Amino acid sequence: MATLEDRRRYYCSDVYLPERLQREVIGRLSSLRACVIRSLYLMYEPFHSRLSEKPSIPESTPTTLQNCSCLLYWCKKGSGNRTDQRWEFNYKFKKQSPKLKNGCRNGLQFPRQYEQVHKNPDQDCYLLQITTFNFIFTPVVMGMTLTLFTINVSTDMRHHRVRMLFQDSPLPQGKKPKKDQGLLVILDPVHSVRLLDWWHPQYPFSASI
């Protein structure tokens, strides 16, 4: 488990840290564990190097988002020069916790005095960032479940295409999604696809979204 001592050990004053991860703030009990882990991915080289090695387009379609619920969606224009027409589409997902036979949610229960330390609003959350070469109209899918996610070759054979199928409820294990029973989102052509875990340095804090 990441601790405050780990952060002190690898602390580097030359590395930029967001205000929420500054030493003056991180010492507070609230979400301490999550902040320490985020700090290590900025300052600890073995962790940081893992992130820089990832390609702009995954070699294979990630399966992590299967049956995840879409919490938020937003898009913004690229921050490049005036001729840059790229758009960034952001989807925040949360993995649905499996239910046990007694109907309870599965999860580790911490002692009450450590609840604030382990508190993490973004636990089991992911941010899917898809950058396209132009703006594409997409339907509203917040509150729906992602049952199909594919990345393949674009129609122009030079870029990539992303297809996502959203439905009202999770897909039972072993069943294939039916395209006529949900909202299909197609982004084509695509420049890059990034899937960020909650501890990724570029994953936005819940308070900043």
Protein backbone atom coordinates (compact mmCIF):
# COMPACT_ATOMS: atom_id res chain seq x y z
CA MET A 1 0.00 0.00 0.00
CA ALA A 2 1.31 3.47 -0.87
CA THR A 3 2.06 5.57 2.21
CA LEU A 4 3.05 9.14 3.01
CA GLU A 5 6.53 7.83 3.76
CA ASP A 6 6.81 6.58 0.16
CA ARG A 7 5.97 10.04 -1.08
CA ARG A 8 8.63 11.65 1.13
CA ARG A 9 11.20 9.13 -0.08
CA TYR A 10 10.67 9.90 -3.77
CA TYR A 11 9.76 13.57 -3.44
CA CYS A 12 11.47 15.75 -6.06
CA SER A 13 11.15 19.52 -5.91
CA ASP A 14 11.86 19.81 -9.66
CA VAL A 15 8.67 17.94 -10.57
CA TYR A 16 5.52 20.02 -11.03
CA LEU A 17 2.70 18.91 -8.75
CA PRO A 18 -0.92 20.12 -8.96
CA GLU A 19 -2.11 22.16 -6.00
CA ARG A 20 -4.08 19.22 -4.62
CA LEU A 21 -0.83 17.20 -4.37
CA GLN A 22 1.34 19.87 -2.77
CA ARG A 23 2.98 19.05 0.56
CA GLU A 24 0.95 21.69 2.37
CA VAL A 25 -2.31 20.06 1.28
CA ILE A 26 -1.56 16.36 0.98
CA GLY A 27 -0.94 16.02 4.71
CA ARG A 28 -4.67 16.22 5.37
CA LEU A 29 -6.39 12.94 6.07
CA SER A 30 -9.07 13.22 3.37
CA SER A 31 -8.16 11.02 0.34
CA LEU A 32 -4.56 10.77 1.54
CA ARG A 33 -3.93 7.35 -0.02
CA ALA A 34 -5.20 8.40 -3.46
CA CYS A 35 -3.10 11.58 -3.41
CA VAL A 36 0.06 9.66 -2.49
CA ILE A 37 -0.46 7.22 -5.36
CA ARG A 38 -1.05 10.09 -7.81
CA SER A 39 2.11 11.81 -6.58
CA LEU A 40 4.21 8.68 -7.11
CA TYR A 41 3.14 8.50 -10.75
CA LEU A 42 4.57 11.98 -11.18
CA MET A 43 7.79 11.63 -9.16
CA TYR A 44 8.75 7.93 -9.11
CA GLU A 45 10.53 7.21 -12.40
CA PRO A 46 9.58 3.49 -12.78
CA PHE A 47 5.90 4.47 -12.47
CA HIS A 48 6.23 7.54 -14.67
CA SER A 49 8.03 5.66 -17.45
CA ARG A 50 5.15 3.17 -17.76
CA LEU A 51 2.85 5.97 -18.89
CA SER A 52 5.18 7.47 -21.49
CA GLU A 53 5.62 4.13 -23.26
CA LYS A 54 1.98 3.77 -24.28
CA PRO A 55 1.18 4.36 -28.01
CA SER A 56 -1.40 6.89 -29.21
CA ILE A 57 -3.61 4.03 -30.44
CA PRO A 58 -3.77 0.82 -28.36
CA GLU A 59 -2.47 -2.28 -30.15
CA SER A 60 -5.67 -4.07 -29.17
CA THR A 61 -9.08 -2.84 -28.01
CA PRO A 62 -9.12 -2.53 -24.18
CA THR A 63 -11.68 -4.76 -22.48
CA THR A 64 -11.57 -2.83 -19.19
CA LEU A 65 -14.64 -0.75 -20.02
CA GLN A 66 -16.96 -3.68 -20.69
CA ASN A 67 -20.23 -3.12 -18.77
CA CYS A 68 -18.94 0.11 -17.21
CA SER A 69 -21.40 2.91 -16.54
CA CYS A 70 -20.87 6.32 -18.17
CA LEU A 71 -20.88 8.98 -15.45
CA LEU A 72 -19.86 12.04 -17.45
CA TYR A 73 -19.30 13.12 -21.02
CA TRP A 74 -17.81 16.29 -22.46
CA CYS A 75 -15.90 17.41 -25.53
CA LYS A 76 -13.56 20.29 -26.23
CA LYS A 77 -11.70 21.72 -29.19
CA GLY A 78 -8.00 21.04 -29.57
CA SER A 79 -5.66 23.59 -28.01
CA GLY A 80 -3.32 23.73 -31.03
CA ASN A 81 -3.08 26.48 -33.66
CA ARG A 82 -6.03 27.96 -35.56
CA THR A 83 -5.75 25.40 -38.34
CA ASP A 84 -5.96 22.52 -35.88
CA GLN A 85 -9.50 21.15 -36.13
CA ARG A 86 -9.04 18.31 -33.68
CA TRP A 87 -11.63 17.63 -30.99
CA GLU A 88 -11.25 15.69 -27.77
CA PHE A 89 -14.18 13.54 -26.62
CA ASN A 90 -14.06 12.53 -22.96
CA TYR A 91 -16.07 9.74 -21.34
CA LYS A 92 -15.78 9.06 -17.62
CA PHE A 93 -16.68 5.49 -16.71
CA LYS A 94 -17.12 3.64 -13.44
CA LYS A 95 -16.81 -0.10 -13.05
CA GLN A 96 -19.92 -1.61 -11.52
CA SER A 97 -19.15 -3.51 -8.31
CA PRO A 98 -20.37 -7.12 -8.40
CA LYS A 99 -23.10 -8.11 -5.96
CA LEU A 100 -22.65 -11.04 -3.62
CA LYS A 101 -25.33 -13.67 -3.07
CA ASN A 102 -26.64 -11.82 -0.02
CA GLY A 103 -27.13 -8.69 -2.15
CA CYS A 104 -24.21 -6.78 -0.63
CA ARG A 105 -21.48 -5.11 -2.61
CA ASN A 106 -18.09 -6.76 -2.56
CA GLY A 107 -15.34 -4.58 -1.16
CA LEU A 108 -12.78 -4.22 1.61
CA GLN A 109 -14.10 -2.41 4.67
CA PHE A 110 -11.59 -0.17 6.44
CA PRO A 111 -11.69 0.75 10.15
CA ARG A 112 -13.77 3.87 10.72
CA GLN A 113 -10.78 5.97 11.82
CA TYR A 114 -9.15 5.35 8.41
CA GLU A 115 -12.19 5.97 6.22
CA GLN A 116 -11.08 9.50 5.27
CA VAL A 117 -7.56 8.29 4.49
CA HIS A 118 -8.84 5.67 2.02
CA LYS A 119 -11.66 7.83 0.65
CA ASN A 120 -11.43 8.06 -3.14
CA PRO A 121 -14.40 9.32 -5.20
CA ASP A 122 -12.65 8.11 -8.36
CA GLN A 123 -12.04 4.54 -7.23
CA ASP A 124 -12.81 2.08 -10.07
CA CYS A 125 -13.16 5.00 -12.51
CA TYR A 126 -11.57 5.47 -15.92
CA LEU A 127 -11.38 8.33 -18.40
CA LEU A 128 -11.58 7.49 -22.09
CA GLN A 129 -10.13 10.27 -24.26
CA ILE A 130 -10.73 10.04 -28.00
CA THR A 131 -9.23 12.71 -30.24
CA THR A 132 -10.74 13.15 -33.70
CA PHE A 133 -9.65 15.22 -36.69
CA ASN A 134 -12.91 17.19 -36.68
CA PHE A 135 -16.09 17.68 -34.67
CA ILE A 136 -18.56 14.79 -34.74
CA PHE A 137 -22.08 14.99 -33.35
CA THR A 138 -22.67 12.29 -30.73
CA PRO A 139 -25.75 11.38 -28.64
CA VAL A 140 -25.96 11.86 -24.88
CA VAL A 141 -25.00 8.61 -23.15
CA MET A 142 -24.58 9.62 -19.50
CA GLY A 143 -26.14 7.04 -17.19
CA MET A 144 -25.94 4.28 -19.81
CA THR A 145 -23.74 1.19 -19.84
CA LEU A 146 -21.01 0.53 -22.41
CA THR A 147 -21.56 -2.97 -23.83
CA LEU A 148 -19.43 -2.79 -26.98
CA PHE A 149 -16.15 -0.98 -27.65
CA THR A 150 -14.05 -1.56 -30.76
CA ILE A 151 -11.09 0.14 -32.44
CA ASN A 152 -10.45 -0.75 -36.06
CA VAL A 153 -9.32 0.73 -39.36
CA SER A 154 -11.13 3.84 -40.58
CA THR A 155 -13.12 3.97 -43.80
CA ASP A 156 -10.29 5.95 -45.44
CA MET A 157 -7.85 3.12 -44.56
CA ARG A 158 -5.40 5.69 -43.16
CA HIS A 159 -6.69 6.29 -39.67
CA HIS A 160 -8.75 4.51 -37.02
CA ARG A 161 -12.41 4.30 -36.12
CA VAL A 162 -14.00 3.88 -32.68
CA ARG A 163 -17.39 2.26 -32.21
CA MET A 164 -19.20 2.23 -28.86
CA LEU A 165 -22.58 0.75 -28.06
CA PHE A 166 -24.41 2.04 -24.99
CA GLN A 167 -27.41 0.28 -23.44
CA ASP A 168 -29.67 0.89 -20.47
CA SER A 169 -28.37 -2.05 -18.42
CA PRO A 170 -25.25 -4.25 -18.21
CA LEU A 171 -24.94 -7.12 -20.64
CA PRO A 172 -25.29 -10.57 -19.02
CA GLN A 173 -22.12 -12.63 -19.15
CA GLY A 174 -21.85 -14.70 -22.32
CA LYS A 175 -24.40 -12.70 -24.29
CA LYS A 176 -23.55 -10.60 -27.33
CA PRO A 177 -24.87 -7.02 -27.58
CA LYS A 178 -27.59 -6.26 -30.11
CA LYS A 179 -26.87 -3.10 -32.06
CA ASP A 180 -30.54 -2.29 -32.48
CA GLN A 181 -31.08 -2.16 -28.70
CA GLY A 182 -28.96 0.79 -27.72
CA LEU A 183 -27.19 3.97 -28.84
CA LEU A 184 -24.31 3.46 -31.25
CA VAL A 185 -21.54 6.08 -31.17
CA ILE A 186 -19.10 6.13 -34.09
CA LEU A 187 -16.05 8.39 -34.12
CA ASP A 188 -14.24 8.37 -37.46
CA PRO A 189 -11.51 9.30 -38.30
CA VAL A 190 -9.67 9.11 -34.97
CA HIS A 191 -6.26 10.57 -34.18
CA SER A 192 -5.66 8.96 -30.78
CA VAL A 193 -7.33 6.87 -28.07
CA ARG A 194 -6.24 7.03 -24.45
CA LEU A 195 -7.62 5.17 -21.45
CA LEU A 196 -6.62 6.80 -18.16
CA ASP A 197 -6.87 5.16 -14.75
CA TRP A 198 -7.81 7.37 -11.80
CA TRP A 199 -4.17 7.58 -10.72
CA HIS A 200 -2.92 8.85 -14.10
CA PRO A 201 -1.35 12.37 -13.84
CA GLN A 202 -3.66 13.65 -16.59
CA TYR A 203 -6.81 12.19 -15.06
CA PRO A 204 -8.85 15.14 -13.75
CA PHE A 205 -9.74 15.25 -10.08
CA SER A 206 -13.46 14.89 -9.44
CA ALA A 207 -13.52 18.40 -7.97
CA SER A 208 -12.06 19.85 -11.20
CA ILE A 209 -14.51 18.26 -13.68
